[in-house]
Amino acid sequence: MDLMSPLDRRKFQVRCDAGSQGRFEVGTDTLSGRVGQRMRVGKEEEMWDSVHIVCKEQRDGSLTVEVVVCHPDWEEAKTIAAIHSRPQDDGTMTPSLERDFQFSGPGGLHRASAAD
């Protein structure tokens, strides 16, 4: 059985390739992940989660994938992208995929239309 097939009714999929460390692939109804990188704080090194990806179903049935970036100098993380889909809207003429990419400072994203 192909776990990534859209016929299995799962809402999201992830494929990770970690080089010689291995590979991960799954379809799921919810998903969150973090990407960390080594950084220096004073004389010490630590891992810092710099990117978060959060995938969830909204109350109206639409699906959202958000990309959030973090920086140690910021008071809070910032959402830099959000991708929205409405797979339940069968037969409409409007695009099923919309995206927000325009970062607008501390308030987060400025909503961009699919035609932008």
Protein backbone atom coordinates (compact mmCIF):
# COMPACT_ATOMS: atom_id res chain seq x y z
CA MET A 1 0.00 0.00 0.00
CA ASP A 2 1.32 3.43 -0.95
CA LEU A 3 1.05 5.55 2.23
CA MET A 4 1.45 8.72 0.21
CA SER A 5 -1.50 8.04 -2.09
CA PRO A 6 -4.23 10.69 -1.85
CA LEU A 7 -6.78 7.87 -1.85
CA ASP A 8 -5.87 6.93 1.73
CA ARG A 9 -7.69 10.11 2.95
CA ARG A 10 -4.80 11.38 5.05
CA LYS A 11 -4.57 15.13 5.08
CA PHE A 12 -0.79 15.71 4.99
CA GLN A 13 2.39 13.95 4.00
CA VAL A 14 6.03 14.39 4.92
CA ARG A 15 9.20 13.05 3.33
CA CYS A 16 12.52 13.59 5.08
CA ASP A 17 15.94 12.58 3.81
CA ALA A 18 18.66 12.83 6.46
CA GLY A 19 21.51 11.62 4.26
CA SER A 20 23.39 8.67 5.72
CA GLN A 21 21.25 8.83 8.88
CA GLY A 22 18.18 7.58 7.05
CA ARG A 23 14.89 8.50 5.52
CA PHE A 24 11.35 9.04 6.84
CA GLU A 25 8.10 9.10 4.89
CA VAL A 26 4.51 9.11 6.17
CA GLY A 27 0.98 10.30 5.48
CA THR A 28 -0.96 11.70 8.47
CA ASP A 29 -3.91 13.81 9.60
CA THR A 30 -1.80 16.31 11.60
CA LEU A 31 1.89 17.12 11.56
CA SER A 32 4.39 19.35 13.30
CA GLY A 33 8.12 19.36 12.91
CA ARG A 34 11.14 21.41 13.88
CA VAL A 35 14.46 21.96 12.22
CA GLY A 36 17.30 22.79 14.59
CA GLN A 37 20.78 23.98 13.87
CA ARG A 38 23.92 24.35 15.95
CA MET A 39 24.71 27.86 17.12
CA ARG A 40 27.03 29.55 19.56
CA VAL A 41 25.83 31.44 22.64
CA GLY A 42 28.83 33.09 24.26
CA LYS A 43 31.40 30.32 24.74
CA GLU A 44 28.82 27.51 24.54
CA GLU A 45 27.29 25.73 21.58
CA GLU A 46 23.64 24.65 21.52
CA MET A 47 20.98 23.44 19.13
CA TRP A 48 18.43 26.08 18.19
CA ASP A 49 15.06 25.20 16.65
CA SER A 50 15.05 27.81 13.89
CA VAL A 51 12.15 26.57 11.72
CA HIS A 52 8.83 25.03 12.77
CA ILE A 53 6.33 23.54 10.35
CA VAL A 54 2.79 23.09 11.63
CA CYS A 55 0.08 21.33 9.61
CA LYS A 56 -3.52 21.25 10.80
CA GLU A 57 -7.14 21.12 9.76
CA GLN A 58 -9.14 24.29 10.41
CA ARG A 59 -12.71 24.40 11.79
CA ASP A 60 -14.12 25.00 8.30
CA GLY A 61 -12.42 21.83 6.98
CA SER A 62 -9.63 23.65 5.15
CA LEU A 63 -6.03 22.49 5.63
CA THR A 64 -3.16 24.79 6.57
CA VAL A 65 0.61 24.37 6.49
CA GLU A 66 2.45 27.15 8.37
CA VAL A 67 6.18 27.87 8.28
CA VAL A 68 7.40 29.63 11.41
CA VAL A 69 10.92 30.97 11.96
CA CYS A 70 12.57 31.60 15.32
CA HIS A 71 15.57 33.70 16.28
CA PRO A 72 17.11 34.08 19.75
CA ASP A 73 16.98 37.90 19.46
CA TRP A 74 13.22 37.93 18.80
CA GLU A 75 10.59 38.01 21.55
CA GLU A 76 8.37 35.62 19.59
CA ALA A 77 8.48 33.38 16.53
CA LYS A 78 7.21 34.75 13.21
CA THR A 79 5.02 33.00 10.67
CA ILE A 80 6.60 33.65 7.27
CA ALA A 81 4.37 31.48 5.09
CA ALA A 82 0.98 29.81 5.25
CA ILE A 83 -0.42 27.53 2.57
CA HIS A 84 -4.16 26.84 2.65
CA SER A 85 -6.12 24.21 0.75
CA ARG A 86 -9.78 23.28 0.53
CA PRO A 87 -9.84 19.69 -0.73
CA GLN A 88 -13.50 19.39 0.23
CA ASP A 89 -14.54 22.04 -2.36
CA ASP A 90 -15.22 19.75 -5.30
CA GLY A 91 -16.16 21.25 -8.65
CA THR A 92 -15.51 24.92 -7.90
CA MET A 93 -13.74 27.20 -10.32
CA THR A 94 -11.60 28.84 -7.62
CA PRO A 95 -8.11 27.50 -6.91
CA SER A 96 -7.97 24.94 -4.13
CA LEU A 97 -4.58 26.24 -2.95
CA GLU A 98 -3.93 29.72 -1.55
CA ARG A 99 -0.76 31.09 -0.01
CA ASP A 100 0.44 33.89 2.26
CA PHE A 101 4.06 34.88 1.76
CA GLN A 102 4.26 38.60 2.39
CA PHE A 103 5.91 39.17 5.75
CA SER A 104 4.61 42.38 7.28
CA GLY A 105 6.79 42.82 10.36
CA PRO A 106 5.81 42.15 13.98
CA GLY A 107 2.15 41.52 13.15
CA GLY A 108 2.98 38.48 11.02
CA LEU A 109 1.69 37.92 7.52
CA HIS A 110 -0.10 40.22 5.14
CA ARG A 111 -2.72 38.05 3.42
CA ALA A 112 -1.86 37.54 -0.24
CA SER A 113 -4.41 36.37 -2.76
CA ALA A 114 -3.80 33.36 -5.02
CA ALA A 115 -3.48 35.78 -7.95
CA ASP A 116 -0.59 37.78 -6.42
